[in-house]
Protein backbone atom coordinates (compact mmCIF):
# COMPACT_ATOMS: atom_id res chain seq x y z
CA MET A 1 -3.91 13.11 22.49
CA LYS A 2 -2.17 16.42 23.04
CA PRO A 3 -1.92 19.10 20.34
CA PRO A 4 1.54 20.18 19.16
CA HIS A 5 2.99 23.41 20.47
CA ARG A 6 2.53 26.48 18.25
CA PHE A 7 6.19 26.27 17.12
CA SER A 8 5.68 22.63 16.13
CA GLU A 9 2.44 23.50 14.30
CA LEU A 10 4.25 26.10 12.18
CA ARG A 11 7.20 23.77 11.49
CA LEU A 12 4.80 20.92 10.65
CA ALA A 13 2.98 23.05 8.05
CA ALA A 14 6.33 24.18 6.60
CA ALA A 15 7.66 20.60 6.49
CA GLN A 16 4.58 19.32 4.69
CA HIS A 17 5.02 22.03 2.06
CA TYR A 18 8.80 21.41 1.82
CA PHE A 19 8.47 17.63 1.30
CA VAL A 20 5.46 17.63 -1.02
CA ASP A 21 7.35 15.66 -3.73
CA LEU A 22 9.04 13.09 -1.46
CA ALA A 23 7.50 9.82 -0.23
CA ILE A 24 7.27 10.52 3.50
CA THR A 25 5.74 7.97 5.88
CA ALA A 26 4.98 10.54 8.60
CA PHE A 27 6.13 13.69 10.34
CA LEU A 28 7.31 13.51 13.96
CA THR A 29 7.30 16.20 16.64
CA GLU A 30 8.83 16.19 20.14
CA VAL A 31 11.33 13.55 19.02
CA GLU A 32 13.89 11.79 21.17
CA ILE A 33 16.14 8.99 19.90
CA THR A 34 16.39 6.06 22.28
CA ALA A 35 17.56 2.46 21.76
CA CYS A 36 18.22 3.18 18.04
CA CYS A 37 14.56 4.21 17.51
CA ALA A 38 12.73 7.52 17.38
CA VAL A 39 9.99 8.24 19.88
CA GLY A 40 7.67 11.17 19.24
CA MET A 41 4.25 12.43 18.28
CA VAL A 42 3.12 11.28 14.84
CA HIS A 43 1.41 13.50 12.26
CA ARG A 44 0.04 12.74 8.78
CA HIS A 45 1.03 9.06 8.82
CA ILE A 46 0.28 7.41 5.47
CA ARG A 47 -1.17 4.35 7.25
CA ALA A 48 -3.30 6.24 9.76
CA SER A 49 -6.53 4.54 10.73
CA ALA A 50 -8.92 4.75 13.65
CA GLY A 51 -6.84 4.18 16.77
CA ARG A 52 -3.58 3.60 14.89
CA PHE A 53 -1.04 6.24 13.84
CA GLU A 54 -3.58 9.04 14.35
CA ASP A 55 -2.26 12.60 14.51
CA GLY A 56 -0.87 13.47 17.91
CA HIS A 57 -0.36 9.91 19.17
CA ARG A 58 3.04 8.86 20.48
CA ILE A 59 4.87 6.25 18.41
CA ARG A 60 8.16 4.40 18.42
CA THR A 61 9.74 3.73 15.05
CA SER A 62 11.57 0.58 14.08
CA ASP A 63 15.39 0.70 14.20
CA ILE A 64 16.86 3.67 12.39
CA HIS A 65 19.23 2.57 9.61
CA SER A 66 20.24 5.96 8.24
CA VAL A 67 19.83 9.66 8.92
CA VAL A 68 20.01 12.44 6.35
CA GLN A 69 19.80 16.17 6.90
CA ASN A 70 17.65 17.94 4.29
CA GLY A 71 17.55 21.70 4.79
CA SER A 72 16.65 22.32 8.42
CA TYR A 73 14.98 18.89 8.76
CA TRP A 74 16.29 15.44 9.55
CA LEU A 75 15.03 12.37 7.65
CA LEU A 76 15.07 9.01 9.40
CA PHE A 77 15.08 5.83 7.31
CA THR A 78 14.06 2.77 9.30
CA ALA A 79 14.32 -1.02 9.18
CA SER A 80 10.66 -1.25 8.12
CA GLY A 81 11.36 0.90 5.04
CA SER A 82 9.71 4.02 6.46
CA CYS A 83 10.91 7.58 6.03
CA TYR A 84 10.12 9.98 8.89
CA VAL A 85 10.73 13.73 9.01
CA ILE A 86 11.79 15.18 12.35
CA VAL A 87 9.83 18.42 12.69
CA SER A 88 10.84 19.22 16.28
CA PHE A 89 12.81 17.71 19.13
CA LYS A 90 11.71 16.95 22.68
CA PHE A 91 12.92 19.55 25.15
CA PRO A 92 15.22 19.05 26.88
CA GLY A 93 17.52 16.47 25.38
CA GLY A 94 15.96 15.53 22.06
CA ARG A 95 18.53 17.20 19.82
CA GLN A 96 21.35 15.82 21.98
CA SER A 97 19.88 12.32 21.61
CA LEU A 98 20.20 12.66 17.82
CA LYS A 99 23.83 13.79 18.13
CA HIS A 100 24.56 10.81 20.36
CA PHE A 101 22.78 8.43 17.98
CA LEU A 102 24.75 9.75 14.98
CA LYS A 103 27.94 8.82 16.87
CA VAL A 104 26.55 5.34 17.61
CA LEU A 105 25.47 4.96 13.97
CA SER A 106 28.93 5.89 12.69
CA ASP A 107 30.51 3.31 15.03
CA GLY A 108 28.00 0.62 14.02
CA PHE A 109 25.38 -1.15 16.10
CA TYR A 110 23.49 -4.43 16.16
CA ASN A 111 19.92 -4.27 14.94
CA THR A 112 17.15 -5.25 17.32
CA PRO A 113 16.27 -8.90 16.56
CA HIS A 114 12.77 -9.61 15.25
CA ARG A 115 12.39 -12.26 17.96
CA LEU A 116 14.30 -12.72 21.19
CA GLN A 117 13.91 -16.51 21.50
């Protein structure tokens, strides 16, 4: 487990204060969007338990169904019903991956099937 960069630590504290009244599943740092999912470091996950969703572990979300900008943050709403806050993007390329995904989302995409066969 690697600690977030100082910039991410400050943004994480600010995000937690900013979204105190909203039902957030978790906060994500060092995010990159790939294959219609977000990959990043998880923080303050509501279902954190020993070895699962602990702060600083890398996770991949389920398919992203919608994206909303709220202030300087992006909210990701996923197929599993989760709401993630993007605190910071992976460098390089994380912010560009979101821009590319927003284009894909506007054009429409096929959800990942629950089972392949």
